[in-house]
């Protein structure tokens, strides 16, 4: 069991298909302290784990690089970890210098 979410930490049970991940990353880029998103952990702090850590890491990096403007290369890190024997992904987001960041509109 992890600590509860805060203004610097957000939990996601799984990688979503919509743009919730991008919205969370944008909010941390625009926030002075940045933040972390942990995928594989439920909102209540229960560690669920994820099944395809490598594939999800690639999807996350592609989604963030392609869907957020201005470019955020170097402002985030996607790391696989094990907690209680289960795979999770930690996304560490730095506060950006080219604020405001936003989600690119799909053409």
PDB file of N, CA and C in Angstrom:
ATOM      1  N   UNK A   1       0.844  -1.179   0.000  1.00  0.00           N
ATOM      2  CA  UNK A   1       0.000   0.000   0.000  1.00  0.00           C
ATOM      3  C   UNK A   1       0.893   1.248   0.000  1.00  0.00           C
ATOM      4  N   UNK A   2       0.597   2.150  -0.900  1.00  0.00           N
ATOM      5  CA  UNK A   2       1.366   3.391  -1.021  1.00  0.00           C
ATOM      6  C   UNK A   2       0.638   4.517  -0.286  1.00  0.00           C
ATOM      7  N   UNK A   3       1.340   5.646  -0.098  1.00  0.00           N
ATOM      8  CA  UNK A   3       0.678   6.829   0.452  1.00  0.00           C
ATOM      9  C   UNK A   3      -0.398   7.290  -0.522  1.00  0.00           C
ATOM     10  N   UNK A   4      -1.346   8.056  -0.042  1.00  0.00           N
ATOM     11  CA  UNK A   4      -2.411   8.552  -0.911  1.00  0.00           C
ATOM     12  C   UNK A   4      -1.880   9.591  -1.882  1.00  0.00           C
ATOM     13  N   UNK A   5      -2.667   9.873  -2.896  1.00  0.00           N
ATOM     14  CA  UNK A   5      -2.282  10.868  -3.895  1.00  0.00           C
ATOM     15  C   UNK A   5      -2.132  12.235  -3.238  1.00  0.00           C
ATOM     16  N   UNK A   6      -1.371  13.102  -3.888  1.00  0.00           N
ATOM     17  CA  UNK A   6      -1.204  14.482  -3.412  1.00  0.00           C
ATOM     18  C   UNK A   6      -1.159  15.384  -4.637  1.00  0.00           C
ATOM     19  N   UNK A   7      -0.865  16.662  -4.421  1.00  0.00           N
ATOM     20  CA  UNK A   7      -0.769  17.568  -5.568  1.00  0.00           C
ATOM     21  C   UNK A   7       0.497  17.305  -6.386  1.00  0.00           C
ATOM     22  N   UNK A   8       1.395  16.440  -5.908  1.00  0.00           N
ATOM     23  CA  UNK A   8       2.615  16.102  -6.641  1.00  0.00           C
ATOM     24  C   UNK A   8       2.661  14.649  -7.089  1.00  0.00           C
ATOM     25  N   UNK A   9       1.650  13.848  -6.686  1.00  0.00           N
ATOM     26  CA  UNK A   9       1.646  12.415  -6.999  1.00  0.00           C
ATOM     27  C   UNK A   9       0.259  11.993  -7.450  1.00  0.00           C
ATOM     28  N   UNK A  10       0.216  11.279  -8.567  1.00  0.00           N
ATOM     29  CA  UNK A  10      -1.067  10.775  -9.059  1.00  0.00           C
ATOM     30  C   UNK A  10      -0.924   9.296  -9.370  1.00  0.00           C
ATOM     31  N   UNK A  11      -1.948   8.511  -9.011  1.00  0.00           N
ATOM     32  CA  UNK A  11      -1.964   7.078  -9.276  1.00  0.00           C
ATOM     33  C   UNK A  11      -2.920   6.769 -10.409  1.00  0.00           C
ATOM     34  N   UNK A  12      -2.552   5.779 -11.212  1.00  0.00           N
ATOM     35  CA  UNK A  12      -3.433   5.267 -12.259  1.00  0.00           C
ATOM     36  C   UNK A  12      -3.340   3.750 -12.231  1.00  0.00           C
ATOM     37  N   UNK A  13      -4.483   3.095 -12.185  1.00  0.00           N
ATOM     38  CA  UNK A  13      -4.512   1.636 -12.139  1.00  0.00           C
ATOM     39  C   UNK A  13      -3.901   1.050 -13.414  1.00  0.00           C
ATOM     40  N   UNK A  14      -4.196   1.675 -14.563  1.00  0.00           N
ATOM     41  CA  UNK A  14      -3.713   1.182 -15.854  1.00  0.00           C
ATOM     42  C   UNK A  14      -3.539   2.363 -16.795  1.00  0.00           C
ATOM     43  N   UNK A  15      -2.857   2.118 -17.892  1.00  0.00           N
ATOM     44  CA  UNK A  15      -2.692   3.145 -18.922  1.00  0.00           C
ATOM     45  C   UNK A  15      -4.017   3.319 -19.644  1.00  0.00           C
ATOM     46  N   UNK A  16      -4.555   4.536 -19.634  1.00  0.00           N
ATOM     47  CA  UNK A  16      -5.873   4.778 -20.233  1.00  0.00           C
ATOM     48  C   UNK A  16      -5.780   4.957 -21.745  1.00  0.00           C
ATOM     49  N   UNK A  17      -6.907   4.794 -22.402  1.00  0.00           N
ATOM     50  CA  UNK A  17      -6.962   4.959 -23.859  1.00  0.00           C
ATOM     51  C   UNK A  17      -7.242   6.413 -24.249  1.00  0.00           C
ATOM     52  N   UNK A  18      -7.818   7.191 -23.364  1.00  0.00           N
ATOM     53  CA  UNK A  18      -8.163   8.581 -23.669  1.00  0.00           C
ATOM     54  C   UNK A  18      -6.967   9.498 -23.484  1.00  0.00           C
ATOM     55  N   UNK A  19      -7.228  10.710 -22.978  1.00  0.00           N
ATOM     56  CA  UNK A  19      -6.120  11.655 -22.792  1.00  0.00           C
ATOM     57  C   UNK A  19      -5.925  12.038 -21.325  1.00  0.00           C
ATOM     58  N   UNK A  20      -6.378  11.183 -20.404  1.00  0.00           N
ATOM     59  CA  UNK A  20      -6.203  11.494 -18.978  1.00  0.00           C
ATOM     60  C   UNK A  20      -4.722  11.567 -18.597  1.00  0.00           C
ATOM     61  N   UNK A  21      -3.903  10.683 -19.172  1.00  0.00           N
ATOM     62  CA  UNK A  21      -2.472  10.712 -18.882  1.00  0.00           C
ATOM     63  C   UNK A  21      -1.880  12.044 -19.319  1.00  0.00           C
ATOM     64  N   UNK A  22      -2.190  12.465 -20.547  1.00  0.00           N
ATOM     65  CA  UNK A  22      -1.668  13.726 -21.060  1.00  0.00           C
ATOM     66  C   UNK A  22      -2.131  14.901 -20.193  1.00  0.00           C
ATOM     67  N   UNK A  23      -3.403  14.880 -19.750  1.00  0.00           N
ATOM     68  CA  UNK A  23      -3.907  15.964 -18.891  1.00  0.00           C
ATOM     69  C   UNK A  23      -3.123  16.038 -17.590  1.00  0.00           C
ATOM     70  N   UNK A  24      -2.823  14.881 -17.000  1.00  0.00           N
ATOM     71  CA  UNK A  24      -2.055  14.861 -15.751  1.00  0.00           C
ATOM     72  C   UNK A  24      -0.639  15.392 -15.981  1.00  0.00           C
ATOM     73  N   UNK A  25      -0.003  14.972 -17.072  1.00  0.00           N
ATOM     74  CA  UNK A  25       1.357  15.427 -17.365  1.00  0.00           C
ATOM     75  C   UNK A  25       1.364  16.933 -17.609  1.00  0.00           C
ATOM     76  N   UNK A  26       0.393  17.445 -18.369  1.00  0.00           N
ATOM     77  CA  UNK A  26       0.313  18.888 -18.635  1.00  0.00           C
ATOM     78  C   UNK A  26       0.174  19.663 -17.320  1.00  0.00           C
ATOM     79  N   UNK A  27      -0.651  19.147 -16.400  1.00  0.00           N
ATOM     80  CA  UNK A  27      -0.828  19.870 -15.141  1.00  0.00           C
ATOM     81  C   UNK A  27       0.487  19.915 -14.355  1.00  0.00           C
ATOM     82  N   UNK A  28       1.275  18.825 -14.379  1.00  0.00           N
ATOM     83  CA  UNK A  28       2.564  18.839 -13.687  1.00  0.00           C
ATOM     84  C   UNK A  28       3.583  19.719 -14.398  1.00  0.00           C
ATOM     85  N   UNK A  29       3.560  19.748 -15.731  1.00  0.00           N
ATOM     86  CA  UNK A  29       4.474  20.627 -16.474  1.00  0.00           C
ATOM     87  C   UNK A  29       4.207  22.088 -16.132  1.00  0.00           C
ATOM     88  N   UNK A  30       2.945  22.430 -15.946  1.00  0.00           N
ATOM     89  CA  UNK A  30       2.557  23.814 -15.666  1.00  0.00           C
ATOM     90  C   UNK A  30       2.628  24.155 -14.180  1.00  0.00           C
ATOM     91  N   UNK A  31       2.853  23.157 -13.325  1.00  0.00           N
ATOM     92  CA  UNK A  31       2.929  23.341 -11.871  1.00  0.00           C
ATOM     93  C   UNK A  31       4.383  23.582 -11.493  1.00  0.00           C
ATOM     94  N   UNK A  32       4.635  24.466 -10.543  1.00  0.00           N
ATOM     95  CA  UNK A  32       6.019  24.831 -10.204  1.00  0.00           C
ATOM     96  C   UNK A  32       6.892  23.663  -9.767  1.00  0.00           C
ATOM     97  N   UNK A  33       6.336  22.684  -9.086  1.00  0.00           N
ATOM     98  CA  UNK A  33       7.171  21.604  -8.578  1.00  0.00           C
ATOM     99  C   UNK A  33       7.227  20.370  -9.440  1.00  0.00           C
ATOM    100  N   UNK A  34       6.491  20.328 -10.568  1.00  0.00           N
ATOM    101  CA  UNK A  34       6.421  19.093 -11.347  1.00  0.00           C
ATOM    102  C   UNK A  34       5.648  18.044 -10.570  1.00  0.00           C
ATOM    103  N   UNK A  35       5.860  16.773 -10.875  1.00  0.00           N
ATOM    104  CA  UNK A  35       5.152  15.722 -10.146  1.00  0.00           C
ATOM    105  C   UNK A  35       5.459  14.344 -10.695  1.00  0.00           C
ATOM    106  N   UNK A  36       4.771  13.349 -10.128  1.00  0.00           N
ATOM    107  CA  UNK A  36       4.964  11.963 -10.534  1.00  0.00           C
ATOM    108  C   UNK A  36       3.624  11.289 -10.768  1.00  0.00           C
ATOM    109  N   UNK A  37       3.595  10.427 -11.771  1.00  0.00           N
ATOM    110  CA  UNK A  37       2.426   9.600 -12.043  1.00  0.00           C
ATOM    111  C   UNK A  37       2.891   8.159 -11.932  1.00  0.00           C
ATOM    112  N   UNK A  38       2.182   7.373 -11.140  1.00  0.00           N
ATOM    113  CA  UNK A  38       2.523   5.973 -10.957  1.00  0.00           C
ATOM    114  C   UNK A  38       1.420   5.128 -11.576  1.00  0.00           C
ATOM    115  N   UNK A  39       1.770   4.346 -12.590  1.00  0.00           N
ATOM    116  CA  UNK A  39       0.795   3.506 -13.279  1.00  0.00           C
ATOM    117  C   UNK A  39       0.948   2.079 -12.758  1.00  0.00           C
ATOM    118  N   UNK A  40      -0.189   1.507 -12.357  1.00  0.00           N
ATOM    119  CA  UNK A  40      -0.190   0.181 -11.752  1.00  0.00           C
ATOM    120  C   UNK A  40      -0.569   0.254 -10.284  1.00  0.00           C
ATOM    121  N   UNK A  41      -1.036   1.443  -9.852  1.00  0.00           N
ATOM    122  CA  UNK A  41      -1.450   1.659  -8.469  1.00  0.00           C
ATOM    123  C   UNK A  41      -2.841   2.286  -8.471  1.00  0.00           C
ATOM    124  N   UNK A  42      -3.754   1.699  -7.711  1.00  0.00           N
ATOM    125  CA  UNK A  42      -5.126   2.207  -7.636  1.00  0.00           C
ATOM    126  C   UNK A  42      -5.161   3.505  -6.840  1.00  0.00           C
ATOM    127  N   UNK A  43      -6.262   4.266  -6.971  1.00  0.00           N
ATOM    128  CA  UNK A  43      -6.411   5.540  -6.276  1.00  0.00           C
ATOM    129  C   UNK A  43      -6.233   5.423  -4.764  1.00  0.00           C
ATOM    130  N   UNK A  44      -6.602   4.276  -4.195  1.00  0.00           N
ATOM    131  CA  UNK A  44      -6.485   4.107  -2.739  1.00  0.00           C
ATOM    132  C   UNK A  44      -5.086   3.662  -2.306  1.00  0.00           C
ATOM    133  N   UNK A  45      -4.141   3.556  -3.269  1.00  0.00           N
ATOM    134  CA  UNK A  45      -2.770   3.186  -2.945  1.00  0.00           C
ATOM    135  C   UNK A  45      -2.481   1.696  -3.063  1.00  0.00           C
ATOM    136  N   UNK A  46      -3.479   0.896  -3.430  1.00  0.00           N
ATOM    137  CA  UNK A  46      -3.275  -0.543  -3.611  1.00  0.00           C
ATOM    138  C   UNK A  46      -2.424  -0.789  -4.860  1.00  0.00           C
ATOM    139  N   UNK A  47      -1.407  -1.611  -4.721  1.00  0.00           N
ATOM    140  CA  UNK A  47      -0.523  -1.900  -5.849  1.00  0.00           C
ATOM    141  C   UNK A  47      -1.116  -3.033  -6.675  1.00  0.00           C
ATOM    142  N   UNK A  48      -1.517  -2.717  -7.906  1.00  0.00           N
ATOM    143  CA  UNK A  48      -2.151  -3.689  -8.808  1.00  0.00           C
ATOM    144  C   UNK A  48      -1.122  -4.296  -9.755  1.00  0.00           C
ATOM    145  N   UNK A  49      -0.167  -3.496 -10.180  1.00  0.00           N
ATOM    146  CA  UNK A  49       0.805  -3.927 -11.169  1.00  0.00           C
ATOM    147  C   UNK A  49       0.239  -3.817 -12.577  1.00  0.00           C
ATOM    148  N   UNK A  50       1.128  -3.925 -13.550  1.00  0.00           N
ATOM    149  CA  UNK A  50       0.744  -3.892 -14.962  1.00  0.00           C
ATOM    150  C   UNK A  50       1.370  -5.095 -15.649  1.00  0.00           C
ATOM    151  N   UNK A  51       0.793  -5.499 -16.774  1.00  0.00           N
ATOM    152  CA  UNK A  51       1.259  -6.736 -17.410  1.00  0.00           C
ATOM    153  C   UNK A  51       2.331  -6.504 -18.469  1.00  0.00           C
ATOM    154  N   UNK A  52       2.312  -5.366 -19.171  1.00  0.00           N
ATOM    155  CA  UNK A  52       3.253  -5.143 -20.278  1.00  0.00           C
ATOM    156  C   UNK A  52       4.061  -3.867 -20.033  1.00  0.00           C
ATOM    157  N   UNK A  53       4.986  -3.956 -19.112  1.00  0.00           N
ATOM    158  CA  UNK A  53       5.763  -2.786 -18.715  1.00  0.00           C
ATOM    159  C   UNK A  53       6.520  -2.169 -19.896  1.00  0.00           C
ATOM    160  N   UNK A  54       7.216  -3.006 -20.677  1.00  0.00           N
ATOM    161  CA  UNK A  54       8.013  -2.474 -21.805  1.00  0.00           C
ATOM    162  C   UNK A  54       7.122  -1.806 -22.840  1.00  0.00           C
ATOM    163  N   UNK A  55       6.039  -2.476 -23.221  1.00  0.00           N
ATOM    164  CA  UNK A  55       5.133  -1.911 -24.219  1.00  0.00           C
ATOM    165  C   UNK A  55       4.488  -0.626 -23.733  1.00  0.00           C
ATOM    166  N   UNK A  56       4.062  -0.618 -22.462  1.00  0.00           N
ATOM    167  CA  UNK A  56       3.438   0.586 -21.914  1.00  0.00           C
ATOM    168  C   UNK A  56       4.432   1.742 -21.843  1.00  0.00           C
ATOM    169  N   UNK A  57       5.681   1.464 -21.498  1.00  0.00           N
ATOM    170  CA  UNK A  57       6.686   2.532 -21.453  1.00  0.00           C
ATOM    171  C   UNK A  57       6.836   3.191 -22.823  1.00  0.00           C
ATOM    172  N   UNK A  58       6.894   2.374 -23.876  1.00  0.00           N
ATOM    173  CA  UNK A  58       7.016   2.932 -25.235  1.00  0.00           C
ATOM    174  C   UNK A  58       5.786   3.758 -25.595  1.00  0.00           C
ATOM    175  N   UNK A  59       4.591   3.217 -25.294  1.00  0.00           N
ATOM    176  CA  UNK A  59       3.356   3.951 -25.594  1.00  0.00           C
ATOM    177  C   UNK A  59       3.326   5.295 -24.872  1.00  0.00           C
ATOM    178  N   UNK A  60       3.723   5.304 -23.611  1.00  0.00           N
ATOM    179  CA  UNK A  60       3.710   6.536 -22.818  1.00  0.00           C
ATOM    180  C   UNK A  60       4.653   7.570 -23.437  1.00  0.00           C
ATOM    181  N   UNK A  61       5.886   7.170 -23.721  1.00  0.00           N
ATOM    182  CA  UNK A  61       6.862   8.112 -24.285  1.00  0.00           C
ATOM    183  C   UNK A  61       6.365   8.670 -25.614  1.00  0.00           C
ATOM    184  N   UNK A  62       5.783   7.807 -26.475  1.00  0.00           N
ATOM    185  CA  UNK A  62       5.248   8.269 -27.763  1.00  0.00           C
ATOM    186  C   UNK A  62       4.090   9.238 -27.560  1.00  0.00           C
ATOM    187  N   UNK A  63       3.160   8.875 -26.679  1.00  0.00           N
ATOM    188  CA  UNK A  63       1.990   9.737 -26.449  1.00  0.00           C
ATOM    189  C   UNK A  63       2.403  11.109 -25.933  1.00  0.00           C
ATOM    190  N   UNK A  64       3.324  11.147 -24.980  1.00  0.00           N
ATOM    191  CA  UNK A  64       3.724  12.432 -24.408  1.00  0.00           C
ATOM    192  C   UNK A  64       4.474  13.279 -25.435  1.00  0.00           C
ATOM    193  N   UNK A  65       5.357  12.639 -26.200  1.00  0.00           N
ATOM    194  CA  UNK A  65       6.132  13.389 -27.199  1.00  0.00           C
ATOM    195  C   UNK A  65       5.238  13.918 -28.317  1.00  0.00           C
ATOM    196  N   UNK A  66       4.214  13.157 -28.699  1.00  0.00           N
ATOM    197  CA  UNK A  66       3.388  13.541 -29.847  1.00  0.00           C
ATOM    198  C   UNK A  66       2.174  14.396 -29.498  1.00  0.00           C
ATOM    199  N   UNK A  67       1.687  14.314 -28.273  1.00  0.00           N
ATOM    200  CA  UNK A  67       0.399  14.940 -27.954  1.00  0.00           C
ATOM    201  C   UNK A  67       0.481  16.205 -27.113  1.00  0.00           C
ATOM    202  N   UNK A  68       1.675  16.575 -26.651  1.00  0.00           N
ATOM    203  CA  UNK A  68       1.802  17.761 -25.797  1.00  0.00           C
ATOM    204  C   UNK A  68       2.678  18.796 -26.482  1.00  0.00           C
ATOM    205  N   UNK A  69       2.251  20.029 -26.416  1.00  0.00           N
ATOM    206  CA  UNK A  69       2.994  21.163 -26.980  1.00  0.00           C
ATOM    207  C   UNK A  69       3.199  22.219 -25.921  1.00  0.00           C
ATOM    208  N   UNK A  70       4.239  23.057 -25.973  1.00  0.00           N
ATOM    209  CA  UNK A  70       5.423  22.877 -26.801  1.00  0.00           C
ATOM    210  C   UNK A  70       6.123  21.549 -26.476  1.00  0.00           C
ATOM    211  N   UNK A  71       7.107  21.194 -27.287  1.00  0.00           N
ATOM    212  CA  UNK A  71       7.815  19.917 -27.127  1.00  0.00           C
ATOM    213  C   UNK A  71       8.333  19.778 -25.688  1.00  0.00           C
ATOM    214  N   UNK A  72       8.250  18.537 -25.166  1.00  0.00           N
ATOM    215  CA  UNK A  72       8.650  18.338 -23.770  1.00  0.00           C
ATOM    216  C   UNK A  72       9.809  17.358 -23.626  1.00  0.00           C
ATOM    217  N   UNK A  73      10.598  17.158 -24.676  1.00  0.00           N
ATOM    218  CA  UNK A  73      11.754  16.274 -24.592  1.00  0.00           C
ATOM    219  C   UNK A  73      12.650  16.707 -23.438  1.00  0.00           C
ATOM    220  N   UNK A  74      13.047  15.773 -22.620  1.00  0.00           N
ATOM    221  CA  UNK A  74      13.922  16.077 -21.495  1.00  0.00           C
ATOM    222  C   UNK A  74      13.182  16.522 -20.238  1.00  0.00           C
ATOM    223  N   UNK A  75      11.866  16.719 -20.329  1.00  0.00           N
ATOM    224  CA  UNK A  75      11.106  17.173 -19.157  1.00  0.00           C
ATOM    225  C   UNK A  75      10.378  16.023 -18.463  1.00  0.00           C
ATOM    226  N   UNK A  76      10.488  14.820 -19.006  1.00  0.00           N
ATOM    227  CA  UNK A  76       9.843  13.681 -18.347  1.00  0.00           C
ATOM    228  C   UNK A  76      10.731  12.453 -18.468  1.00  0.00           C
ATOM    229  N   UNK A  77      10.562  11.540 -17.526  1.00  0.00           N
ATOM    230  CA  UNK A  77      11.302  10.290 -17.524  1.00  0.00           C
ATOM    231  C   UNK A  77      10.310   9.174 -17.232  1.00  0.00           C
ATOM    232  N   UNK A  78      10.372   8.089 -17.978  1.00  0.00           N
ATOM    233  CA  UNK A  78       9.468   6.958 -17.813  1.00  0.00           C
ATOM    234  C   UNK A  78      10.313   5.774 -17.351  1.00  0.00           C
ATOM    235  N   UNK A  79      10.053   5.299 -16.126  1.00  0.00           N
ATOM    236  CA  UNK A  79      10.900   4.292 -15.509  1.00  0.00           C
ATOM    237  C   UNK A  79      10.059   3.109 -15.034  1.00  0.00           C
ATOM    238  N   UNK A  80      10.518   1.893 -15.330  1.00  0.00           N
ATOM    239  CA  UNK A  80       9.858   0.684 -14.820  1.00  0.00           C
ATOM    240  C   UNK A  80      10.439   0.366 -13.450  1.00  0.00           C
ATOM    241  N   UNK A  81       9.562  -0.005 -12.508  1.00  0.00           N
ATOM    242  CA  UNK A  81       9.990  -0.376 -11.162  1.00  0.00           C
ATOM    243  C   UNK A  81       9.187  -1.575 -10.703  1.00  0.00           C
ATOM    244  N   UNK A  82       9.669  -2.199  -9.638  1.00  0.00           N
ATOM    245  CA  UNK A  82       8.905  -3.263  -8.973  1.00  0.00           C
ATOM    246  C   UNK A  82       8.599  -2.790  -7.564  1.00  0.00           C
ATOM    247  N   UNK A  83       7.326  -2.896  -7.178  1.00  0.00           N
ATOM    248  CA  UNK A  83       6.922  -2.620  -5.800  1.00  0.00           C
ATOM    249  C   UNK A  83       6.116  -3.830  -5.346  1.00  0.00           C
ATOM    250  N   UNK A  84       6.503  -4.376  -4.204  1.00  0.00           N
ATOM    251  CA  UNK A  84       5.854  -5.582  -3.681  1.00  0.00           C
ATOM    252  C   UNK A  84       5.807  -6.692  -4.738  1.00  0.00           C
ATOM    253  N   UNK A  85       6.864  -6.774  -5.562  1.00  0.00           N
ATOM    254  CA  UNK A  85       6.955  -7.821  -6.568  1.00  0.00           C
ATOM    255  C   UNK A  85       6.127  -7.591  -7.816  1.00  0.00           C
ATOM    256  N   UNK A  86       5.474  -6.438  -7.925  1.00  0.00           N
ATOM    257  CA  UNK A  86       4.632  -6.149  -9.091  1.00  0.00           C
ATOM    258  C   UNK A  86       5.258  -5.025  -9.911  1.00  0.00           C
ATOM    259  N   UNK A  87       5.125  -5.161 -11.254  1.00  0.00           N
ATOM    260  CA  UNK A  87       5.657  -4.130 -12.152  1.00  0.00           C
ATOM    261  C   UNK A  87       4.767  -2.898 -12.123  1.00  0.00           C
ATOM    262  N   UNK A  88       5.392  -1.738 -11.987  1.00  0.00           N
ATOM    263  CA  UNK A  88       4.681  -0.467 -12.136  1.00  0.00           C
ATOM    264  C   UNK A  88       5.531   0.428 -13.033  1.00  0.00           C
ATOM    265  N   UNK A  89       4.944   1.530 -13.476  1.00  0.00           N
ATOM    266  CA  UNK A  89       5.699   2.531 -14.247  1.00  0.00           C
ATOM    267  C   UNK A  89       5.597   3.859 -13.510  1.00  0.00           C
ATOM    268  N   UNK A  90       6.753   4.485 -13.310  1.00  0.00           N
ATOM    269  CA  UNK A  90       6.817   5.804 -12.678  1.00  0.00           C
ATOM    270  C   UNK A  90       7.155   6.823 -13.761  1.00  0.00           C
ATOM    271  N   UNK A  91       6.310   7.828 -13.910  1.00  0.00           N
ATOM    272  CA  UNK A  91       6.582   8.924 -14.849  1.00  0.00           C
ATOM    273  C   UNK A  91       6.918  10.145 -14.008  1.00  0.00           C
ATOM    274  N   UNK A  92       8.158  10.600 -14.122  1.00  0.00           N
ATOM    275  CA  UNK A  92       8.608  11.769 -13.375  1.00  0.00           C
ATOM    276  C   UNK A  92       8.555  12.950 -14.326  1.00  0.00           C
ATOM    277  N   UNK A  93       7.789  13.985 -13.943  1.00  0.00           N
ATOM    278  CA  UNK A  93       7.579  15.146 -14.802  1.00  0.00           C
ATOM    279  C   UNK A  93       8.184  16.373 -14.133  1.00  0.00           C
ATOM    280  N   UNK A  94       9.064  17.061 -14.857  1.00  0.00           N
ATOM    281  CA  UNK A  94       9.640  18.297 -14.343  1.00  0.00           C
ATOM    282  C   UNK A  94       8.733  19.463 -14.671  1.00  0.00           C
ATOM    283  N   UNK A  95       8.865  20.523 -13.906  1.00  0.00           N
ATOM    284  CA  UNK A  95       8.158  21.751 -14.234  1.00  0.00           C
ATOM    285  C   UNK A  95       8.785  22.309 -15.509  1.00  0.00           C
ATOM    286  N   UNK A  96       7.952  22.648 -16.484  1.00  0.00           N
ATOM    287  CA  UNK A  96       8.477  23.115 -17.766  1.00  0.00           C
ATOM    288  C   UNK A  96       8.847  24.594 -17.746  1.00  0.00           C
ATOM    289  N   UNK A  97       9.658  24.999 -18.714  1.00  0.00           N
ATOM    290  CA  UNK A  97      10.099  26.392 -18.790  1.00  0.00           C
ATOM    291  C   UNK A  97       9.354  27.174 -19.873  1.00  0.00           C
ATOM    292  N   UNK A  98       8.570  26.474 -20.725  1.00  0.00           N
ATOM    293  CA  UNK A  98       7.868  27.147 -21.827  1.00  0.00           C
ATOM    294  C   UNK A  98       6.364  27.133 -21.595  1.00  0.00           C
ATOM    295  N   UNK A  99       5.946  27.465 -20.384  1.00  0.00           N
ATOM    296  CA  UNK A  99       4.519  27.431 -20.021  1.00  0.00           C
ATOM    297  C   UNK A  99       3.736  28.441 -20.834  1.00  0.00           C
ATOM    298  N   UNK A 100       2.475  28.221 -21.131  1.00  0.00           N
ATOM    299  CA  UNK A 100       1.691  27.060 -20.717  1.00  0.00           C
ATOM    300  C   UNK A 100       1.842  25.893 -21.691  1.00  0.00           C
ATOM    301  N   UNK A 101       1.839  24.695 -21.124  1.00  0.00           N
ATOM    302  CA  UNK A 101       1.825  23.469 -21.919  1.00  0.00           C
ATOM    303  C   UNK A 101       0.374  23.084 -22.144  1.00  0.00           C
ATOM    304  N   UNK A 102       0.108  22.387 -23.238  1.00  0.00           N
ATOM    305  CA  UNK A 102      -1.266  22.021 -23.563  1.00  0.00           C
ATOM    306  C   UNK A 102      -1.271  20.765 -24.416  1.00  0.00           C
ATOM    307  N   UNK A 103      -2.449  20.143 -24.511  1.00  0.00           N
ATOM    308  CA  UNK A 103      -2.606  18.953 -25.342  1.00  0.00           C
ATOM    309  C   UNK A 103      -2.867  19.393 -26.778  1.00  0.00           C
ATOM    310  N   UNK A 104      -2.077  18.857 -27.685  1.00  0.00           N
ATOM    311  CA  UNK A 104      -2.212  19.196 -29.120  1.00  0.00           C
ATOM    312  C   UNK A 104      -3.557  18.715 -29.610  1.00  0.00           C
ATOM    313  N   UNK A 105      -4.234  19.572 -30.342  1.00  0.00           N
ATOM    314  CA  UNK A 105      -5.541  19.203 -30.924  1.00  0.00           C
ATOM    315  C   UNK A 105      -5.332  18.218 -32.047  1.00  0.00           C
ATOM    316  N   UNK A 106      -6.141  17.199 -32.074  1.00  0.00           N
ATOM    317  CA  UNK A 106      -6.062  16.201 -33.149  1.00  0.00           C
ATOM    318  C   UNK A 106      -6.663  16.791 -34.430  1.00  0.00           C
ATOM    319  N   UNK A 107      -5.971  16.600 -35.525  1.00  0.00           N
ATOM    320  CA  UNK A 107      -6.431  17.176 -36.799  1.00  0.00           C
ATOM    321  C   UNK A 107      -7.529  16.330 -37.415  1.00  0.00           C
TER     322      UNK A 107
END
